[in-house]
C-alpha cells in the first residue's frame, strides 16, 4: 500500500484539479463583474403618472402606440 492510502487521503486527480480551477475562474469572473453593477435611483427614472380620467376612457395616443400603428401598417 502507498502512504497516501494508509493515511486516508486520496491522491490528487486531474479531474479534481480542473474542477477546482474552473471554480476559481468562475469566482474571479463574478468578483470582477459584480462591483460594476450600479442601481439606478428609482425616483429620477420614473415620471409622475397622469391622473385617471373621471368618466373612464383612459386611452391616449402616446408615442409607443403611434410606433405600434406604424409597424402594423402595410
PDB file of N, CA and C in Angstrom:
ATOM      1  N   UNK A   1       0.825  -1.186   0.000  1.00  0.00           N
ATOM      2  CA  UNK A   1       0.000   0.000   0.000  1.00  0.00           C
ATOM      3  C   UNK A   1       0.869   1.249   0.000  1.00  0.00           C
ATOM      4  N   UNK A   2       0.274   2.307  -0.548  1.00  0.00           N
ATOM      5  CA  UNK A   2       1.008   3.561  -0.582  1.00  0.00           C
ATOM      6  C   UNK A   2       0.761   4.336   0.704  1.00  0.00           C
ATOM      7  N   UNK A   3       1.613   5.304   0.942  1.00  0.00           N
ATOM      8  CA  UNK A   3       1.480   6.102   2.155  1.00  0.00           C
ATOM      9  C   UNK A   3       0.193   6.927   2.166  1.00  0.00           C
ATOM     10  N   UNK A   4      -0.254   7.396   0.978  1.00  0.00           N
ATOM     11  CA  UNK A   4      -1.465   8.216   0.936  1.00  0.00           C
ATOM     12  C   UNK A   4      -2.706   7.395   1.250  1.00  0.00           C
ATOM     13  N   UNK A   5      -2.703   6.097   0.919  1.00  0.00           N
ATOM     14  CA  UNK A   5      -3.843   5.249   1.216  1.00  0.00           C
ATOM     15  C   UNK A   5      -3.891   4.895   2.696  1.00  0.00           C
ATOM     16  N   UNK A   6      -2.761   4.786   3.309  1.00  0.00           N
ATOM     17  CA  UNK A   6      -2.711   4.444   4.732  1.00  0.00           C
ATOM     18  C   UNK A   6      -3.223   5.616   5.565  1.00  0.00           C
ATOM     19  N   UNK A   7      -2.862   6.825   5.185  1.00  0.00           N
ATOM     20  CA  UNK A   7      -3.269   7.998   5.944  1.00  0.00           C
ATOM     21  C   UNK A   7      -4.740   8.338   5.724  1.00  0.00           C
ATOM     22  N   UNK A   8      -5.405   7.758   4.711  1.00  0.00           N
ATOM     23  CA  UNK A   8      -6.817   8.005   4.472  1.00  0.00           C
ATOM     24  C   UNK A   8      -7.081   9.131   3.494  1.00  0.00           C
ATOM     25  N   UNK A   9      -6.068   9.708   2.901  1.00  0.00           N
ATOM     26  CA  UNK A   9      -6.283  10.777   1.922  1.00  0.00           C
ATOM     27  C   UNK A   9      -6.192  10.202   0.524  1.00  0.00           C
ATOM     28  N   UNK A  10      -6.932  10.781  -0.405  1.00  0.00           N
ATOM     29  CA  UNK A  10      -6.914  10.330  -1.783  1.00  0.00           C
ATOM     30  C   UNK A  10      -5.856  11.098  -2.556  1.00  0.00           C
ATOM     31  N   UNK A  11      -5.212  10.458  -3.507  1.00  0.00           N
ATOM     32  CA  UNK A  11      -4.244  11.186  -4.317  1.00  0.00           C
ATOM     33  C   UNK A  11      -4.967  12.198  -5.208  1.00  0.00           C
ATOM     34  N   UNK A  12      -4.290  13.276  -5.545  1.00  0.00           N
ATOM     35  CA  UNK A  12      -4.869  14.316  -6.386  1.00  0.00           C
ATOM     36  C   UNK A  12      -5.105  13.772  -7.792  1.00  0.00           C
ATOM     37  N   UNK A  13      -6.203  14.182  -8.406  1.00  0.00           N
ATOM     38  CA  UNK A  13      -6.523  13.725  -9.747  1.00  0.00           C
ATOM     39  C   UNK A  13      -6.641  14.925 -10.680  1.00  0.00           C
ATOM     40  N   UNK A  14      -6.563  14.662 -11.961  1.00  0.00           N
ATOM     41  CA  UNK A  14      -6.723  15.735 -12.943  1.00  0.00           C
ATOM     42  C   UNK A  14      -8.129  16.314 -12.896  1.00  0.00           C
ATOM     43  N   UNK A  15      -9.119  15.453 -12.724  1.00  0.00           N
ATOM     44  CA  UNK A  15     -10.496  15.916 -12.676  1.00  0.00           C
ATOM     45  C   UNK A  15     -10.703  16.897 -11.526  1.00  0.00           C
ATOM     46  N   UNK A  16     -10.161  16.571 -10.381  1.00  0.00           N
ATOM     47  CA  UNK A  16     -10.272  17.462  -9.227  1.00  0.00           C
ATOM     48  C   UNK A  16      -9.543  18.773  -9.450  1.00  0.00           C
ATOM     49  N   UNK A  17      -8.405  18.704 -10.110  1.00  0.00           N
ATOM     50  CA  UNK A  17      -7.644  19.916 -10.400  1.00  0.00           C
ATOM     51  C   UNK A  17      -8.434  20.837 -11.320  1.00  0.00           C
ATOM     52  N   UNK A  18      -8.999  20.282 -12.412  1.00  0.00           N
ATOM     53  CA  UNK A  18      -9.729  21.113 -13.359  1.00  0.00           C
ATOM     54  C   UNK A  18     -11.043  21.628 -12.762  1.00  0.00           C
ATOM     55  N   UNK A  19     -11.669  20.850 -11.904  1.00  0.00           N
ATOM     56  CA  UNK A  19     -12.869  21.311 -11.228  1.00  0.00           C
ATOM     57  C   UNK A  19     -12.535  22.494 -10.311  1.00  0.00           C
ATOM     58  N   UNK A  20     -11.446  22.393  -9.595  1.00  0.00           N
ATOM     59  CA  UNK A  20     -11.023  23.495  -8.728  1.00  0.00           C
ATOM     60  C   UNK A  20     -10.626  24.724  -9.529  1.00  0.00           C
ATOM     61  N   UNK A  21      -9.925  24.513 -10.644  1.00  0.00           N
ATOM     62  CA  UNK A  21      -9.521  25.642 -11.487  1.00  0.00           C
ATOM     63  C   UNK A  21     -10.735  26.336 -12.095  1.00  0.00           C
ATOM     64  N   UNK A  22     -11.742  25.571 -12.506  1.00  0.00           N
ATOM     65  CA  UNK A  22     -12.960  26.163 -13.058  1.00  0.00           C
ATOM     66  C   UNK A  22     -13.714  26.943 -11.990  1.00  0.00           C
ATOM     67  N   UNK A  23     -13.748  26.432 -10.775  1.00  0.00           N
ATOM     68  CA  UNK A  23     -14.430  27.129  -9.687  1.00  0.00           C
ATOM     69  C   UNK A  23     -13.740  28.447  -9.362  1.00  0.00           C
ATOM     70  N   UNK A  24     -12.429  28.435  -9.337  1.00  0.00           N
ATOM     71  CA  UNK A  24     -11.671  29.650  -9.057  1.00  0.00           C
ATOM     72  C   UNK A  24     -11.869  30.664 -10.186  1.00  0.00           C
ATOM     73  N   UNK A  25     -11.901  30.199 -11.421  1.00  0.00           N
ATOM     74  CA  UNK A  25     -12.117  31.095 -12.554  1.00  0.00           C
ATOM     75  C   UNK A  25     -13.494  31.727 -12.530  1.00  0.00           C
ATOM     76  N   UNK A  26     -14.514  30.940 -12.201  1.00  0.00           N
ATOM     77  CA  UNK A  26     -15.870  31.474 -12.114  1.00  0.00           C
ATOM     78  C   UNK A  26     -15.986  32.483 -10.976  1.00  0.00           C
ATOM     79  N   UNK A  27     -15.359  32.197  -9.862  1.00  0.00           N
ATOM     80  CA  UNK A  27     -15.394  33.126  -8.739  1.00  0.00           C
ATOM     81  C   UNK A  27     -14.673  34.425  -9.078  1.00  0.00           C
ATOM     82  N   UNK A  28     -13.547  34.329  -9.767  1.00  0.00           N
ATOM     83  CA  UNK A  28     -12.814  35.531 -10.161  1.00  0.00           C
ATOM     84  C   UNK A  28     -13.628  36.374 -11.145  1.00  0.00           C
ATOM     85  N   UNK A  29     -14.332  35.731 -12.070  1.00  0.00           N
ATOM     86  CA  UNK A  29     -15.167  36.463 -13.023  1.00  0.00           C
ATOM     87  C   UNK A  29     -16.319  37.155 -12.302  1.00  0.00           C
ATOM     88  N   UNK A  30     -16.922  36.485 -11.342  1.00  0.00           N
ATOM     89  CA  UNK A  30     -18.031  37.078 -10.594  1.00  0.00           C
ATOM     90  C   UNK A  30     -17.567  38.277  -9.776  1.00  0.00           C
ATOM     91  N   UNK A  31     -16.418  38.170  -9.155  1.00  0.00           N
ATOM     92  CA  UNK A  31     -15.892  39.276  -8.359  1.00  0.00           C
ATOM     93  C   UNK A  31     -15.549  40.459  -9.249  1.00  0.00           C
ATOM     94  N   UNK A  32     -15.110  40.187 -10.460  1.00  0.00           N
ATOM     95  CA  UNK A  32     -14.760  41.263 -11.379  1.00  0.00           C
ATOM     96  C   UNK A  32     -16.000  41.998 -11.870  1.00  0.00           C
ATOM     97  N   UNK A  33     -17.084  41.281 -12.125  1.00  0.00           N
ATOM     98  CA  UNK A  33     -18.280  41.877 -12.712  1.00  0.00           C
ATOM     99  C   UNK A  33     -19.167  42.529 -11.659  1.00  0.00           C
ATOM    100  N   UNK A  34     -19.329  41.937 -10.503  1.00  0.00           N
ATOM    101  CA  UNK A  34     -20.295  42.415  -9.523  1.00  0.00           C
ATOM    102  C   UNK A  34     -20.063  43.837  -9.017  1.00  0.00           C
ATOM    103  N   UNK A  35     -18.866  44.300  -8.772  1.00  0.00           N
ATOM    104  CA  UNK A  35     -18.731  45.676  -8.285  1.00  0.00           C
ATOM    105  C   UNK A  35     -19.181  46.732  -9.294  1.00  0.00           C
ATOM    106  N   UNK A  36     -19.271  46.396 -10.567  1.00  0.00           N
ATOM    107  CA  UNK A  36     -19.659  47.365 -11.579  1.00  0.00           C
ATOM    108  C   UNK A  36     -21.172  47.532 -11.679  1.00  0.00           C
ATOM    109  N   UNK A  37     -21.958  46.696 -11.009  1.00  0.00           N
ATOM    110  CA  UNK A  37     -23.402  46.801 -11.056  1.00  0.00           C
ATOM    111  C   UNK A  37     -23.818  47.962 -10.161  1.00  0.00           C
ATOM    112  N   UNK A  38     -24.515  48.934 -10.766  1.00  0.00           N
ATOM    113  CA  UNK A  38     -24.944  50.116 -10.026  1.00  0.00           C
ATOM    114  C   UNK A  38     -26.453  50.219 -10.135  1.00  0.00           C
ATOM    115  N   UNK A  39     -27.111  50.398  -9.021  1.00  0.00           N
ATOM    116  CA  UNK A  39     -28.556  50.516  -9.022  1.00  0.00           C
ATOM    117  C   UNK A  39     -28.944  51.959  -9.316  1.00  0.00           C
ATOM    118  N   UNK A  40     -29.825  52.138 -10.290  1.00  0.00           N
ATOM    119  CA  UNK A  40     -30.273  53.472 -10.669  1.00  0.00           C
ATOM    120  C   UNK A  40     -31.290  53.969  -9.653  1.00  0.00           C
ATOM    121  N   UNK A  41     -31.273  55.255  -9.367  1.00  0.00           N
ATOM    122  CA  UNK A  41     -32.277  55.786  -8.444  1.00  0.00           C
ATOM    123  C   UNK A  41     -33.667  55.702  -9.060  1.00  0.00           C
ATOM    124  N   UNK A  42     -34.624  55.200  -8.308  1.00  0.00           N
ATOM    125  CA  UNK A  42     -35.964  54.957  -8.832  1.00  0.00           C
ATOM    126  C   UNK A  42     -36.743  56.253  -9.042  1.00  0.00           C
ATOM    127  N   UNK A  43     -36.540  57.258  -8.214  1.00  0.00           N
ATOM    128  CA  UNK A  43     -37.332  58.476  -8.309  1.00  0.00           C
ATOM    129  C   UNK A  43     -36.993  59.298  -9.550  1.00  0.00           C
ATOM    130  N   UNK A  44     -35.755  59.283  -9.994  1.00  0.00           N
ATOM    131  CA  UNK A  44     -35.358  60.084 -11.138  1.00  0.00           C
ATOM    132  C   UNK A  44     -35.760  59.431 -12.454  1.00  0.00           C
ATOM    133  N   UNK A  45     -35.898  58.115 -12.504  1.00  0.00           N
ATOM    134  CA  UNK A  45     -36.158  57.407 -13.752  1.00  0.00           C
ATOM    135  C   UNK A  45     -37.630  57.391 -14.133  1.00  0.00           C
ATOM    136  N   UNK A  46     -38.553  57.433 -13.170  1.00  0.00           N
ATOM    137  CA  UNK A  46     -39.965  57.309 -13.490  1.00  0.00           C
ATOM    138  C   UNK A  46     -40.659  58.658 -13.352  1.00  0.00           C
ATOM    139  N   UNK A  47     -41.324  59.115 -14.428  1.00  0.00           N
ATOM    140  CA  UNK A  47     -42.066  60.368 -14.317  1.00  0.00           C
ATOM    141  C   UNK A  47     -43.364  60.160 -13.549  1.00  0.00           C
ATOM    142  N   UNK A  48     -43.946  61.228 -13.070  1.00  0.00           N
ATOM    143  CA  UNK A  48     -45.197  61.130 -12.322  1.00  0.00           C
ATOM    144  C   UNK A  48     -46.323  60.714 -13.266  1.00  0.00           C
ATOM    145  N   UNK A  49     -47.148  59.745 -12.886  1.00  0.00           N
ATOM    146  CA  UNK A  49     -48.232  59.294 -13.771  1.00  0.00           C
ATOM    147  C   UNK A  49     -49.334  60.342 -13.866  1.00  0.00           C
ATOM    148  N   UNK A  50     -50.028  60.332 -15.008  1.00  0.00           N
ATOM    149  CA  UNK A  50     -51.147  61.256 -15.203  1.00  0.00           C
ATOM    150  C   UNK A  50     -52.336  60.760 -14.379  1.00  0.00           C
ATOM    151  N   UNK A  51     -53.174  61.667 -13.915  1.00  0.00           N
ATOM    152  CA  UNK A  51     -54.351  61.217 -13.156  1.00  0.00           C
ATOM    153  C   UNK A  51     -55.326  60.467 -14.059  1.00  0.00           C
ATOM    154  N   UNK A  52     -56.046  59.525 -13.495  1.00  0.00           N
ATOM    155  CA  UNK A  52     -57.008  58.729 -14.257  1.00  0.00           C
ATOM    156  C   UNK A  52     -58.190  59.603 -14.663  1.00  0.00           C
ATOM    157  N   UNK A  53     -58.732  59.373 -15.863  1.00  0.00           N
ATOM    158  CA  UNK A  53     -59.883  60.173 -16.288  1.00  0.00           C
ATOM    159  C   UNK A  53     -61.108  59.876 -15.421  1.00  0.00           C
ATOM    160  N   UNK A  54     -61.948  60.879 -15.209  1.00  0.00           N
ATOM    161  CA  UNK A  54     -63.101  60.730 -14.328  1.00  0.00           C
ATOM    162  C   UNK A  54     -64.211  59.889 -14.951  1.00  0.00           C
ATOM    163  N   UNK A  55     -64.404  59.981 -16.270  1.00  0.00           N
ATOM    164  CA  UNK A  55     -65.506  59.275 -16.918  1.00  0.00           C
ATOM    165  C   UNK A  55     -65.036  58.061 -17.702  1.00  0.00           C
ATOM    166  N   UNK A  56     -63.978  57.417 -17.265  1.00  0.00           N
ATOM    167  CA  UNK A  56     -63.480  56.237 -17.972  1.00  0.00           C
ATOM    168  C   UNK A  56     -62.655  56.638 -19.172  1.00  0.00           C
ATOM    169  N   UNK A  57     -62.564  55.748 -20.129  1.00  0.00           N
ATOM    170  CA  UNK A  57     -61.728  56.039 -21.290  1.00  0.00           C
ATOM    171  C   UNK A  57     -60.313  55.621 -20.987  1.00  0.00           C
ATOM    172  N   UNK A  58     -59.480  56.549 -20.741  1.00  0.00           N
ATOM    173  CA  UNK A  58     -58.114  56.259 -20.367  1.00  0.00           C
ATOM    174  C   UNK A  58     -57.189  55.989 -21.535  1.00  0.00           C
ATOM    175  N   UNK A  59     -57.737  55.895 -22.751  1.00  0.00           N
ATOM    176  CA  UNK A  59     -56.877  55.635 -23.900  1.00  0.00           C
ATOM    177  C   UNK A  59     -56.265  56.943 -24.364  1.00  0.00           C
ATOM    178  N   UNK A  60     -54.956  56.944 -24.499  1.00  0.00           N
ATOM    179  CA  UNK A  60     -54.279  58.110 -25.049  1.00  0.00           C
ATOM    180  C   UNK A  60     -53.368  57.651 -26.171  1.00  0.00           C
ATOM    181  N   UNK A  61     -53.263  58.471 -27.173  1.00  0.00           N
ATOM    182  CA  UNK A  61     -52.405  58.164 -28.309  1.00  0.00           C
ATOM    183  C   UNK A  61     -50.989  58.606 -27.955  1.00  0.00           C
ATOM    184  N   UNK A  62     -50.244  57.703 -27.336  1.00  0.00           N
ATOM    185  CA  UNK A  62     -48.894  58.028 -26.902  1.00  0.00           C
ATOM    186  C   UNK A  62     -47.889  57.608 -27.973  1.00  0.00           C
ATOM    187  N   UNK A  63     -46.628  57.885 -27.707  1.00  0.00           N
ATOM    188  CA  UNK A  63     -45.573  57.596 -28.683  1.00  0.00           C
ATOM    189  C   UNK A  63     -45.462  56.102 -28.975  1.00  0.00           C
ATOM    190  N   UNK A  64     -45.551  55.274 -27.951  1.00  0.00           N
ATOM    191  CA  UNK A  64     -45.396  53.838 -28.216  1.00  0.00           C
ATOM    192  C   UNK A  64     -46.602  53.285 -28.978  1.00  0.00           C
ATOM    193  N   UNK A  65     -47.788  53.877 -28.789  1.00  0.00           N
ATOM    194  CA  UNK A  65     -48.957  53.444 -29.554  1.00  0.00           C
ATOM    195  C   UNK A  65     -48.794  53.859 -31.015  1.00  0.00           C
ATOM    196  N   UNK A  66     -48.316  55.064 -31.245  1.00  0.00           N
ATOM    197  CA  UNK A  66     -48.060  55.520 -32.621  1.00  0.00           C
ATOM    198  C   UNK A  66     -47.042  54.625 -33.307  1.00  0.00           C
ATOM    199  N   UNK A  67     -46.002  54.251 -32.577  1.00  0.00           N
ATOM    200  CA  UNK A  67     -44.982  53.369 -33.138  1.00  0.00           C
ATOM    201  C   UNK A  67     -45.576  52.000 -33.486  1.00  0.00           C
ATOM    202  N   UNK A  68     -46.477  51.513 -32.651  1.00  0.00           N
ATOM    203  CA  UNK A  68     -47.142  50.240 -32.931  1.00  0.00           C
ATOM    204  C   UNK A  68     -47.963  50.345 -34.207  1.00  0.00           C
ATOM    205  N   UNK A  69     -48.710  51.419 -34.345  1.00  0.00           N
ATOM    206  CA  UNK A  69     -49.529  51.598 -35.536  1.00  0.00           C
ATOM    207  C   UNK A  69     -48.666  51.673 -36.796  1.00  0.00           C
ATOM    208  N   UNK A  70     -47.494  52.282 -36.686  1.00  0.00           N
ATOM    209  CA  UNK A  70     -46.598  52.358 -37.856  1.00  0.00           C
ATOM    210  C   UNK A  70     -46.068  50.992 -38.229  1.00  0.00           C
ATOM    211  N   UNK A  71     -45.812  50.139 -37.254  1.00  0.00           N
ATOM    212  CA  UNK A  71     -45.252  48.813 -37.568  1.00  0.00           C
ATOM    213  C   UNK A  71     -46.317  47.872 -38.129  1.00  0.00           C
ATOM    214  N   UNK A  72     -47.600  48.117 -37.796  1.00  0.00           N
ATOM    215  CA  UNK A  72     -48.642  47.214 -38.293  1.00  0.00           C
ATOM    216  C   UNK A  72     -49.195  47.629 -39.641  1.00  0.00           C
ATOM    217  N   UNK A  73     -48.965  48.870 -40.063  1.00  0.00           N
ATOM    218  CA  UNK A  73     -49.496  49.295 -41.358  1.00  0.00           C
ATOM    219  C   UNK A  73     -48.656  48.685 -42.481  1.00  0.00           C
ATOM    220  N   UNK A  74     -49.336  48.287 -43.534  1.00  0.00           N
ATOM    221  CA  UNK A  74     -48.646  47.617 -44.631  1.00  0.00           C
ATOM    222  C   UNK A  74     -48.190  48.575 -45.689  1.00  0.00           C
TER     223      UNK A  74
END
